[in-house]
Amino acid sequence: MKPAPPLLRPHQTEAVDAALAAFASGERRATVVSACGTGKTLTAAHIADQATGEGHALVVVPTVELLAQTTQRWRQAGRGGRVIGVSSMKQAA
């Protein structure tokens, strides 16, 4: 049996509601600003689920490590599907 996704804390629920309200009012993008360790990745997974359902979501992260962390947290939140990573890192010769 698949474990239940982590529950959102009150500040995360508030962020999800604010982002979805922005989308409902016609905004095409939303930014969640929050301190490190407050659950932005989990919050984003919930926003993506409610905004796109099984559809696509574009997530931009600054490092490959954060891409791996985001993928792991989104999977824990129950978000499946394909992940495609793009990096501008240069390969050593």
PDB file of N, CA and C in Angstrom:
ATOM      1  N   MET A   1       0.840  -1.180   0.000  1.00  0.00           N
ATOM      2  CA  MET A   1       0.000   0.000   0.000  1.00  0.00           C
ATOM      3  C   MET A   1       0.887   1.246   0.000  1.00  0.00           C
ATOM      4  N   LYS A   2       0.527   2.213  -0.826  1.00  0.00           N
ATOM      5  CA  LYS A   2       1.287   3.449  -0.962  1.00  0.00           C
ATOM      6  C   LYS A   2       1.069   4.338   0.265  1.00  0.00           C
ATOM      7  N   PRO A   3       2.172   4.886   0.858  1.00  0.00           N
ATOM      8  CA  PRO A   3       1.992   5.752   2.022  1.00  0.00           C
ATOM      9  C   PRO A   3       1.286   7.052   1.654  1.00  0.00           C
ATOM     10  N   ALA A   4       0.543   7.607   2.593  1.00  0.00           N
ATOM     11  CA  ALA A   4      -0.162   8.871   2.359  1.00  0.00           C
ATOM     12  C   ALA A   4       0.858   9.997   2.207  1.00  0.00           C
ATOM     13  N   PRO A   5       0.584  10.948   1.313  1.00  0.00           N
ATOM     14  CA  PRO A   5       1.503  12.075   1.171  1.00  0.00           C
ATOM     15  C   PRO A   5       1.536  12.913   2.440  1.00  0.00           C
ATOM     16  N   PRO A   6       2.645  13.597   2.691  1.00  0.00           N
ATOM     17  CA  PRO A   6       2.737  14.433   3.892  1.00  0.00           C
ATOM     18  C   PRO A   6       1.655  15.507   3.894  1.00  0.00           C
ATOM     19  N   LEU A   7       1.097  15.779   5.072  1.00  0.00           N
ATOM     20  CA  LEU A   7       0.094  16.832   5.207  1.00  0.00           C
ATOM     21  C   LEU A   7       0.760  18.199   5.198  1.00  0.00           C
ATOM     22  N   LEU A   8       0.036  19.176   4.688  1.00  0.00           N
ATOM     23  CA  LEU A   8       0.557  20.536   4.666  1.00  0.00           C
ATOM     24  C   LEU A   8       0.377  21.209   6.023  1.00  0.00           C
ATOM     25  N   ARG A   9       1.336  22.043   6.365  1.00  0.00           N
ATOM     26  CA  ARG A   9       1.218  22.885   7.559  1.00  0.00           C
ATOM     27  C   ARG A   9       0.390  24.117   7.186  1.00  0.00           C
ATOM     28  N   PRO A  10      -0.126  24.848   8.186  1.00  0.00           N
ATOM     29  CA  PRO A  10      -1.003  25.992   7.878  1.00  0.00           C
ATOM     30  C   PRO A  10      -0.393  27.012   6.915  1.00  0.00           C
ATOM     31  N   HIS A  11       0.889  27.346   7.088  1.00  0.00           N
ATOM     32  CA  HIS A  11       1.487  28.336   6.177  1.00  0.00           C
ATOM     33  C   HIS A  11       1.603  27.796   4.753  1.00  0.00           C
ATOM     34  N   GLN A  12       1.757  26.486   4.611  1.00  0.00           N
ATOM     35  CA  GLN A  12       1.824  25.891   3.281  1.00  0.00           C
ATOM     36  C   GLN A  12       0.447  25.911   2.610  1.00  0.00           C
ATOM     37  N   THR A  13      -0.585  25.611   3.386  1.00  0.00           N
ATOM     38  CA  THR A  13      -1.953  25.662   2.866  1.00  0.00           C
ATOM     39  C   THR A  13      -2.286  27.080   2.404  1.00  0.00           C
ATOM     40  N   GLU A  14      -1.863  28.067   3.192  1.00  0.00           N
ATOM     41  CA  GLU A  14      -2.087  29.467   2.827  1.00  0.00           C
ATOM     42  C   GLU A  14      -1.384  29.802   1.501  1.00  0.00           C
ATOM     43  N   ALA A  15      -0.167  29.304   1.319  1.00  0.00           N
ATOM     44  CA  ALA A  15       0.580  29.548   0.080  1.00  0.00           C
ATOM     45  C   ALA A  15      -0.097  28.874  -1.115  1.00  0.00           C
ATOM     46  N   VAL A  16      -0.557  27.637  -0.926  1.00  0.00           N
ATOM     47  CA  VAL A  16      -1.264  26.929  -2.004  1.00  0.00           C
ATOM     48  C   VAL A  16      -2.513  27.715  -2.392  1.00  0.00           C
ATOM     49  N   ASP A  17      -3.291  28.126  -1.400  1.00  0.00           N
ATOM     50  CA  ASP A  17      -4.519  28.870  -1.670  1.00  0.00           C
ATOM     51  C   ASP A  17      -4.228  30.179  -2.400  1.00  0.00           C
ATOM     52  N   ALA A  18      -3.172  30.884  -1.987  1.00  0.00           N
ATOM     53  CA  ALA A  18      -2.823  32.156  -2.627  1.00  0.00           C
ATOM     54  C   ALA A  18      -2.399  31.948  -4.085  1.00  0.00           C
ATOM     55  N   ALA A  19      -1.604  30.931  -4.342  1.00  0.00           N
ATOM     56  CA  ALA A  19      -1.174  30.658  -5.713  1.00  0.00           C
ATOM     57  C   ALA A  19      -2.366  30.283  -6.589  1.00  0.00           C
ATOM     58  N   LEU A  20      -3.235  29.423  -6.082  1.00  0.00           N
ATOM     59  CA  LEU A  20      -4.399  29.011  -6.863  1.00  0.00           C
ATOM     60  C   LEU A  20      -5.350  30.181  -7.105  1.00  0.00           C
ATOM     61  N   ALA A  21      -5.469  31.079  -6.118  1.00  0.00           N
ATOM     62  CA  ALA A  21      -6.299  32.276  -6.297  1.00  0.00           C
ATOM     63  C   ALA A  21      -5.709  33.173  -7.384  1.00  0.00           C
ATOM     64  N   ALA A  22      -4.383  33.276  -7.427  1.00  0.00           N
ATOM     65  CA  ALA A  22      -3.731  34.067  -8.473  1.00  0.00           C
ATOM     66  C   ALA A  22      -4.036  33.472  -9.849  1.00  0.00           C
ATOM     67  N   PHE A  23      -3.947  32.154  -9.965  1.00  0.00           N
ATOM     68  CA  PHE A  23      -4.258  31.501 -11.237  1.00  0.00           C
ATOM     69  C   PHE A  23      -5.716  31.734 -11.616  1.00  0.00           C
ATOM     70  N   ALA A  24      -6.604  31.626 -10.640  1.00  0.00           N
ATOM     71  CA  ALA A  24      -8.038  31.803 -10.894  1.00  0.00           C
ATOM     72  C   ALA A  24      -8.355  33.226 -11.358  1.00  0.00           C
ATOM     73  N   SER A  25      -7.536  34.187 -10.928  1.00  0.00           N
ATOM     74  CA  SER A  25      -7.779  35.578 -11.324  1.00  0.00           C
ATOM     75  C   SER A  25      -7.123  35.928 -12.666  1.00  0.00           C
ATOM     76  N   GLY A  26      -6.503  34.927 -13.300  1.00  0.00           N
ATOM     77  CA  GLY A  26      -5.928  35.152 -14.621  1.00  0.00           C
ATOM     78  C   GLY A  26      -4.416  35.173 -14.691  1.00  0.00           C
ATOM     79  N   GLU A  27      -3.756  35.131 -13.552  1.00  0.00           N
ATOM     80  CA  GLU A  27      -2.284  35.089 -13.573  1.00  0.00           C
ATOM     81  C   GLU A  27      -1.835  33.771 -14.182  1.00  0.00           C
ATOM     82  N   ARG A  28      -0.746  33.814 -14.937  1.00  0.00           N
ATOM     83  CA  ARG A  28      -0.215  32.588 -15.545  1.00  0.00           C
ATOM     84  C   ARG A  28       0.951  32.018 -14.767  1.00  0.00           C
ATOM     85  N   ARG A  29       1.527  32.821 -13.862  1.00  0.00           N
ATOM     86  CA  ARG A  29       2.673  32.388 -13.055  1.00  0.00           C
ATOM     87  C   ARG A  29       2.455  32.822 -11.615  1.00  0.00           C
ATOM     88  N   ALA A  30       3.078  32.074 -10.712  1.00  0.00           N
ATOM     89  CA  ALA A  30       3.033  32.445  -9.298  1.00  0.00           C
ATOM     90  C   ALA A  30       4.382  32.130  -8.682  1.00  0.00           C
ATOM     91  N   THR A  31       4.782  32.921  -7.722  1.00  0.00           N
ATOM     92  CA  THR A  31       6.032  32.703  -7.010  1.00  0.00           C
ATOM     93  C   THR A  31       5.722  32.558  -5.532  1.00  0.00           C
ATOM     94  N   VAL A  32       6.229  31.501  -4.924  1.00  0.00           N
ATOM     95  CA  VAL A  32       6.092  31.306  -3.487  1.00  0.00           C
ATOM     96  C   VAL A  32       7.437  31.653  -2.867  1.00  0.00           C
ATOM     97  N   VAL A  33       7.433  32.629  -1.979  1.00  0.00           N
ATOM     98  CA  VAL A  33       8.654  33.055  -1.302  1.00  0.00           C
ATOM     99  C   VAL A  33       8.530  32.634   0.152  1.00  0.00           C
ATOM    100  N   SER A  34       9.513  31.864   0.607  1.00  0.00           N
ATOM    101  CA  SER A  34       9.485  31.351   1.971  1.00  0.00           C
ATOM    102  C   SER A  34      10.912  30.979   2.372  1.00  0.00           C
ATOM    103  N   ALA A  35      11.160  30.966   3.656  1.00  0.00           N
ATOM    104  CA  ALA A  35      12.500  30.668   4.165  1.00  0.00           C
ATOM    105  C   ALA A  35      12.900  29.218   3.886  1.00  0.00           C
ATOM    106  N   CYS A  36      14.204  28.967   3.928  1.00  0.00           N
ATOM    107  CA  CYS A  36      14.729  27.611   3.758  1.00  0.00           C
ATOM    108  C   CYS A  36      14.122  26.690   4.814  1.00  0.00           C
ATOM    109  N   GLY A  37      13.786  25.492   4.395  1.00  0.00           N
ATOM    110  CA  GLY A  37      13.297  24.496   5.334  1.00  0.00           C
ATOM    111  C   GLY A  37      11.827  24.619   5.699  1.00  0.00           C
ATOM    112  N   THR A  38      11.083  25.476   5.005  1.00  0.00           N
ATOM    113  CA  THR A  38       9.669  25.657   5.345  1.00  0.00           C
ATOM    114  C   THR A  38       8.729  24.857   4.453  1.00  0.00           C
ATOM    115  N   GLY A  39       9.279  24.073   3.551  1.00  0.00           N
ATOM    116  CA  GLY A  39       8.447  23.175   2.755  1.00  0.00           C
ATOM    117  C   GLY A  39       7.973  23.721   1.430  1.00  0.00           C
ATOM    118  N   LYS A  40       8.779  24.549   0.775  1.00  0.00           N
ATOM    119  CA  LYS A  40       8.389  25.102  -0.529  1.00  0.00           C
ATOM    120  C   LYS A  40       8.207  24.005  -1.571  1.00  0.00           C
ATOM    121  N   THR A  41       9.037  22.986  -1.533  1.00  0.00           N
ATOM    122  CA  THR A  41       8.961  21.920  -2.531  1.00  0.00           C
ATOM    123  C   THR A  41       7.663  21.143  -2.393  1.00  0.00           C
ATOM    124  N   LEU A  42       7.281  20.818  -1.186  1.00  0.00           N
ATOM    125  CA  LEU A  42       6.021  20.121  -0.944  1.00  0.00           C
ATOM    126  C   LEU A  42       4.842  21.019  -1.317  1.00  0.00           C
ATOM    127  N   THR A  43       4.939  22.292  -0.970  1.00  0.00           N
ATOM    128  CA  THR A  43       3.897  23.257  -1.325  1.00  0.00           C
ATOM    129  C   THR A  43       3.737  23.309  -2.840  1.00  0.00           C
ATOM    130  N   ALA A  44       4.841  23.362  -3.562  1.00  0.00           N
ATOM    131  CA  ALA A  44       4.796  23.415  -5.025  1.00  0.00           C
ATOM    132  C   ALA A  44       4.146  22.165  -5.608  1.00  0.00           C
ATOM    133  N   ALA A  45       4.422  21.012  -5.029  1.00  0.00           N
ATOM    134  CA  ALA A  45       3.810  19.771  -5.504  1.00  0.00           C
ATOM    135  C   ALA A  45       2.294  19.834  -5.366  1.00  0.00           C
ATOM    136  N   HIS A  46       1.818  20.366  -4.244  1.00  0.00           N
ATOM    137  CA  HIS A  46       0.377  20.482  -4.034  1.00  0.00           C
ATOM    138  C   HIS A  46      -0.235  21.506  -4.997  1.00  0.00           C
ATOM    139  N   ILE A  47       0.466  22.597  -5.240  1.00  0.00           N
ATOM    140  CA  ILE A  47      -0.025  23.592  -6.204  1.00  0.00           C
ATOM    141  C   ILE A  47      -0.125  22.957  -7.584  1.00  0.00           C
ATOM    142  N   ALA A  48       0.912  22.227  -7.990  1.00  0.00           N
ATOM    143  CA  ALA A  48       0.908  21.580  -9.307  1.00  0.00           C
ATOM    144  C   ALA A  48      -0.245  20.584  -9.423  1.00  0.00           C
ATOM    145  N   ASP A  49      -0.470  19.795  -8.386  1.00  0.00           N
ATOM    146  CA  ASP A  49      -1.565  18.825  -8.415  1.00  0.00           C
ATOM    147  C   ASP A  49      -2.911  19.509  -8.604  1.00  0.00           C
ATOM    148  N   GLN A  50      -3.128  20.571  -7.853  1.00  0.00           N
ATOM    149  CA  GLN A  50      -4.430  21.234  -7.922  1.00  0.00           C
ATOM    150  C   GLN A  50      -4.578  22.091  -9.176  1.00  0.00           C
ATOM    151  N   ALA A  51      -3.480  22.631  -9.673  1.00  0.00           N
ATOM    152  CA  ALA A  51      -3.553  23.497 -10.854  1.00  0.00           C
ATOM    153  C   ALA A  51      -3.549  22.710 -12.159  1.00  0.00           C
ATOM    154  N   THR A  52      -2.850  21.573 -12.183  1.00  0.00           N
ATOM    155  CA  THR A  52      -2.703  20.844 -13.444  1.00  0.00           C
ATOM    156  C   THR A  52      -3.255  19.427 -13.411  1.00  0.00           C
ATOM    157  N   GLY A  53      -3.574  18.915 -12.223  1.00  0.00           N
ATOM    158  CA  GLY A  53      -4.019  17.526 -12.142  1.00  0.00           C
ATOM    159  C   GLY A  53      -2.910  16.607 -12.617  1.00  0.00           C
ATOM    160  N   GLU A  54      -3.192  15.843 -13.639  1.00  0.00           N
ATOM    161  CA  GLU A  54      -2.189  14.942 -14.207  1.00  0.00           C
ATOM    162  C   GLU A  54      -1.375  15.628 -15.306  1.00  0.00           C
ATOM    163  N   GLY A  55      -1.608  16.909 -15.525  1.00  0.00           N
ATOM    164  CA  GLY A  55      -0.935  17.636 -16.597  1.00  0.00           C
ATOM    165  C   GLY A  55       0.507  17.975 -16.253  1.00  0.00           C
ATOM    166  N   HIS A  56       1.126  18.730 -17.129  1.00  0.00           N
ATOM    167  CA  HIS A  56       2.535  19.088 -17.000  1.00  0.00           C
ATOM    168  C   HIS A  56       2.726  20.303 -16.108  1.00  0.00           C
ATOM    169  N   ALA A  57       3.866  20.355 -15.449  1.00  0.00           N
ATOM    170  CA  ALA A  57       4.260  21.516 -14.645  1.00  0.00           C
ATOM    171  C   ALA A  57       5.733  21.789 -14.927  1.00  0.00           C
ATOM    172  N   LEU A  58       6.053  23.044 -15.173  1.00  0.00           N
ATOM    173  CA  LEU A  58       7.443  23.448 -15.377  1.00  0.00           C
ATOM    174  C   LEU A  58       7.973  23.960 -14.044  1.00  0.00           C
ATOM    175  N   VAL A  59       9.062  23.357 -13.587  1.00  0.00           N
ATOM    176  CA  VAL A  59       9.690  23.756 -12.334  1.00  0.00           C
ATOM    177  C   VAL A  59      11.137  24.098 -12.648  1.00  0.00           C
ATOM    178  N   VAL A  60      11.574  25.275 -12.245  1.00  0.00           N
ATOM    179  CA  VAL A  60      12.939  25.717 -12.513  1.00  0.00           C
ATOM    180  C   VAL A  60      13.696  25.735 -11.199  1.00  0.00           C
ATOM    181  N   VAL A  61      14.820  25.034 -11.167  1.00  0.00           N
ATOM    182  CA  VAL A  61      15.669  24.991  -9.975  1.00  0.00           C
ATOM    183  C   VAL A  61      17.102  25.324 -10.380  1.00  0.00           C
ATOM    184  N   PRO A  62      17.890  25.891  -9.456  1.00  0.00           N
ATOM    185  CA  PRO A  62      19.225  26.369  -9.840  1.00  0.00           C
ATOM    186  C   PRO A  62      20.334  25.317  -9.856  1.00  0.00           C
ATOM    187  N   THR A  63      20.096  24.135  -9.296  1.00  0.00           N
ATOM    188  CA  THR A  63      21.173  23.140  -9.248  1.00  0.00           C
ATOM    189  C   THR A  63      20.631  21.741  -9.542  1.00  0.00           C
ATOM    190  N   VAL A  64      21.516  20.866  -9.988  1.00  0.00           N
ATOM    191  CA  VAL A  64      21.145  19.478 -10.234  1.00  0.00           C
ATOM    192  C   VAL A  64      20.746  18.807  -8.913  1.00  0.00           C
ATOM    193  N   GLU A  65      21.418  19.160  -7.837  1.00  0.00           N
ATOM    194  CA  GLU A  65      21.083  18.591  -6.530  1.00  0.00           C
ATOM    195  C   GLU A  65      19.655  18.936  -6.131  1.00  0.00           C
ATOM    196  N   LEU A  66      19.261  20.185  -6.378  1.00  0.00           N
ATOM    197  CA  LEU A  66      17.901  20.594  -6.050  1.00  0.00           C
ATOM    198  C   LEU A  66      16.880  19.923  -6.967  1.00  0.00           C
ATOM    199  N   LEU A  67      17.266  19.619  -8.193  1.00  0.00           N
ATOM    200  CA  LEU A  67      16.396  18.856  -9.091  1.00  0.00           C
ATOM    201  C   LEU A  67      16.124  17.476  -8.498  1.00  0.00           C
ATOM    202  N   ALA A  68      17.163  16.814  -8.015  1.00  0.00           N
ATOM    203  CA  ALA A  68      16.996  15.485  -7.412  1.00  0.00           C
ATOM    204  C   ALA A  68      16.125  15.569  -6.156  1.00  0.00           C
ATOM    205  N   GLN A  69      16.358  16.576  -5.320  1.00  0.00           N
ATOM    206  CA  GLN A  69      15.567  16.743  -4.101  1.00  0.00           C
ATOM    207  C   GLN A  69      14.099  17.011  -4.444  1.00  0.00           C
ATOM    208  N   THR A  70      13.873  17.860  -5.441  1.00  0.00           N
ATOM    209  CA  THR A  70      12.509  18.192  -5.840  1.00  0.00           C
ATOM    210  C   THR A  70      11.786  16.957  -6.355  1.00  0.00           C
ATOM    211  N   THR A  71      12.453  16.184  -7.187  1.00  0.00           N
ATOM    212  CA  THR A  71      11.856  14.960  -7.707  1.00  0.00           C
ATOM    213  C   THR A  71      11.478  14.015  -6.571  1.00  0.00           C
ATOM    214  N   GLN A  72      12.367  13.836  -5.618  1.00  0.00           N
ATOM    215  CA  GLN A  72      12.102  12.949  -4.484  1.00  0.00           C
ATOM    216  C   GLN A  72      10.899  13.429  -3.673  1.00  0.00           C
ATOM    217  N   ARG A  73      10.853  14.722  -3.351  1.00  0.00           N
ATOM    218  CA  ARG A  73       9.749  15.264  -2.547  1.00  0.00           C
ATOM    219  C   ARG A  73       8.427  15.205  -3.312  1.00  0.00           C
ATOM    220  N   TRP A  74       8.458  15.466  -4.611  1.00  0.00           N
ATOM    221  CA  TRP A  74       7.216  15.398  -5.388  1.00  0.00           C
ATOM    222  C   TRP A  74       6.706  13.966  -5.454  1.00  0.00           C
ATOM    223  N   ARG A  75       7.612  13.010  -5.547  1.00  0.00           N
ATOM    224  CA  ARG A  75       7.191  11.604  -5.531  1.00  0.00           C
ATOM    225  C   ARG A  75       6.560  11.260  -4.177  1.00  0.00           C
ATOM    226  N   GLN A  76       7.159  11.727  -3.090  1.00  0.00           N
ATOM    227  CA  GLN A  76       6.603  11.495  -1.755  1.00  0.00           C
ATOM    228  C   GLN A  76       5.218  12.125  -1.620  1.00  0.00           C
ATOM    229  N   ALA A  77       5.001  13.229  -2.321  1.00  0.00           N
ATOM    230  CA  ALA A  77       3.709  13.920  -2.273  1.00  0.00           C
ATOM    231  C   ALA A  77       2.688  13.266  -3.197  1.00  0.00           C
ATOM    232  N   GLY A  78       3.110  12.215  -3.911  1.00  0.00           N
ATOM    233  CA  GLY A  78       2.194  11.494  -4.775  1.00  0.00           C
ATOM    234  C   GLY A  78       2.171  11.959  -6.217  1.00  0.00           C
ATOM    235  N   ARG A  79       3.065  12.851  -6.568  1.00  0.00           N
ATOM    236  CA  ARG A  79       3.116  13.358  -7.944  1.00  0.00           C
ATOM    237  C   ARG A  79       3.968  12.411  -8.779  1.00  0.00           C
ATOM    238  N   GLY A  80       3.364  11.784  -9.757  1.00  0.00           N
ATOM    239  CA  GLY A  80       4.097  10.851 -10.606  1.00  0.00           C
ATOM    240  C   GLY A  80       4.471  11.496 -11.925  1.00  0.00           C
ATOM    241  N   GLY A  81       4.771  10.667 -12.884  1.00  0.00           N
ATOM    242  CA  GLY A  81       5.067  11.167 -14.220  1.00  0.00           C
ATOM    243  C   GLY A  81       6.550  11.294 -14.492  1.00  0.00           C
ATOM    244  N   ARG A  82       6.821  11.738 -15.677  1.00  0.00           N
ATOM    245  CA  ARG A  82       8.189  11.859 -16.171  1.00  0.00           C
ATOM    246  C   ARG A  82       8.830  13.146 -15.666  1.00  0.00           C
ATOM    247  N   VAL A  83      10.124  13.075 -15.397  1.00  0.00           N
ATOM    248  CA  VAL A  83      10.911  14.245 -15.019  1.00  0.00           C
ATOM    249  C   VAL A  83      11.986  14.426 -16.081  1.00  0.00           C
ATOM    250  N   ILE A  84      12.080  15.631 -16.586  1.00  0.00           N
ATOM    251  CA  ILE A  84      13.112  15.943 -17.573  1.00  0.00           C
ATOM    252  C   ILE A  84      13.963  17.062 -16.991  1.00  0.00           C
ATOM    253  N   GLY A  85      15.254  16.818 -16.850  1.00  0.00           N
ATOM    254  CA  GLY A  85      16.166  17.820 -16.315  1.00  0.00           C
ATOM    255  C   GLY A  85      17.025  18.409 -17.423  1.00  0.00           C
ATOM    256  N   VAL A  86      17.218  19.706 -17.358  1.00  0.00           N
ATOM    257  CA  VAL A  86      18.066  20.401 -18.328  1.00  0.00           C
ATOM    258  C   VAL A  86      19.093  21.186 -17.507  1.00  0.00           C
ATOM    259  N   SER A  87      20.349  21.085 -17.898  1.00  0.00           N
ATOM    260  CA  SER A  87      21.406  21.761 -17.152  1.00  0.00           C
ATOM    261  C   SER A  87      22.313  22.533 -18.097  1.00  0.00           C
ATOM    262  N   SER A  88      22.808  23.642 -17.604  1.00  0.00           N
ATOM    263  CA  SER A  88      23.770  24.410 -18.400  1.00  0.00           C
ATOM    264  C   SER A  88      25.201  24.143 -17.949  1.00  0.00           C
ATOM    265  N   MET A  89      25.392  23.143 -17.075  1.00  0.00           N
ATOM    266  CA  MET A  89      26.731  22.831 -16.588  1.00  0.00           C
ATOM    267  C   MET A  89      27.606  22.368 -17.746  1.00  0.00           C
ATOM    268  N   LYS A  90      28.834  22.839 -17.750  1.00  0.00           N
ATOM    269  CA  LYS A  90      29.791  22.450 -18.784  1.00  0.00           C
ATOM    270  C   LYS A  90      30.507  21.176 -18.332  1.00  0.00           C
ATOM    271  N   GLN A  91      30.712  20.294 -19.272  1.00  0.00           N
ATOM    272  CA  GLN A  91      31.421  19.054 -18.990  1.00  0.00           C
ATOM    273  C   GLN A  91      32.919  19.300 -19.058  1.00  0.00           C
ATOM    274  N   ALA A  92      33.642  18.653 -18.152  1.00  0.00           N
ATOM    275  CA  ALA A  92      35.099  18.735 -18.198  1.00  0.00           C
ATOM    276  C   ALA A  92      35.595  17.885 -19.360  1.00  0.00           C
ATOM    277  N   ALA A  93      36.614  18.368 -20.034  1.00  0.00           N
ATOM    278  CA  ALA A  93      37.146  17.650 -21.206  1.00  0.00           C
ATOM    279  C   ALA A  93      37.980  16.467 -20.786  1.00  0.00           C
TER     280      ALA A  93
END
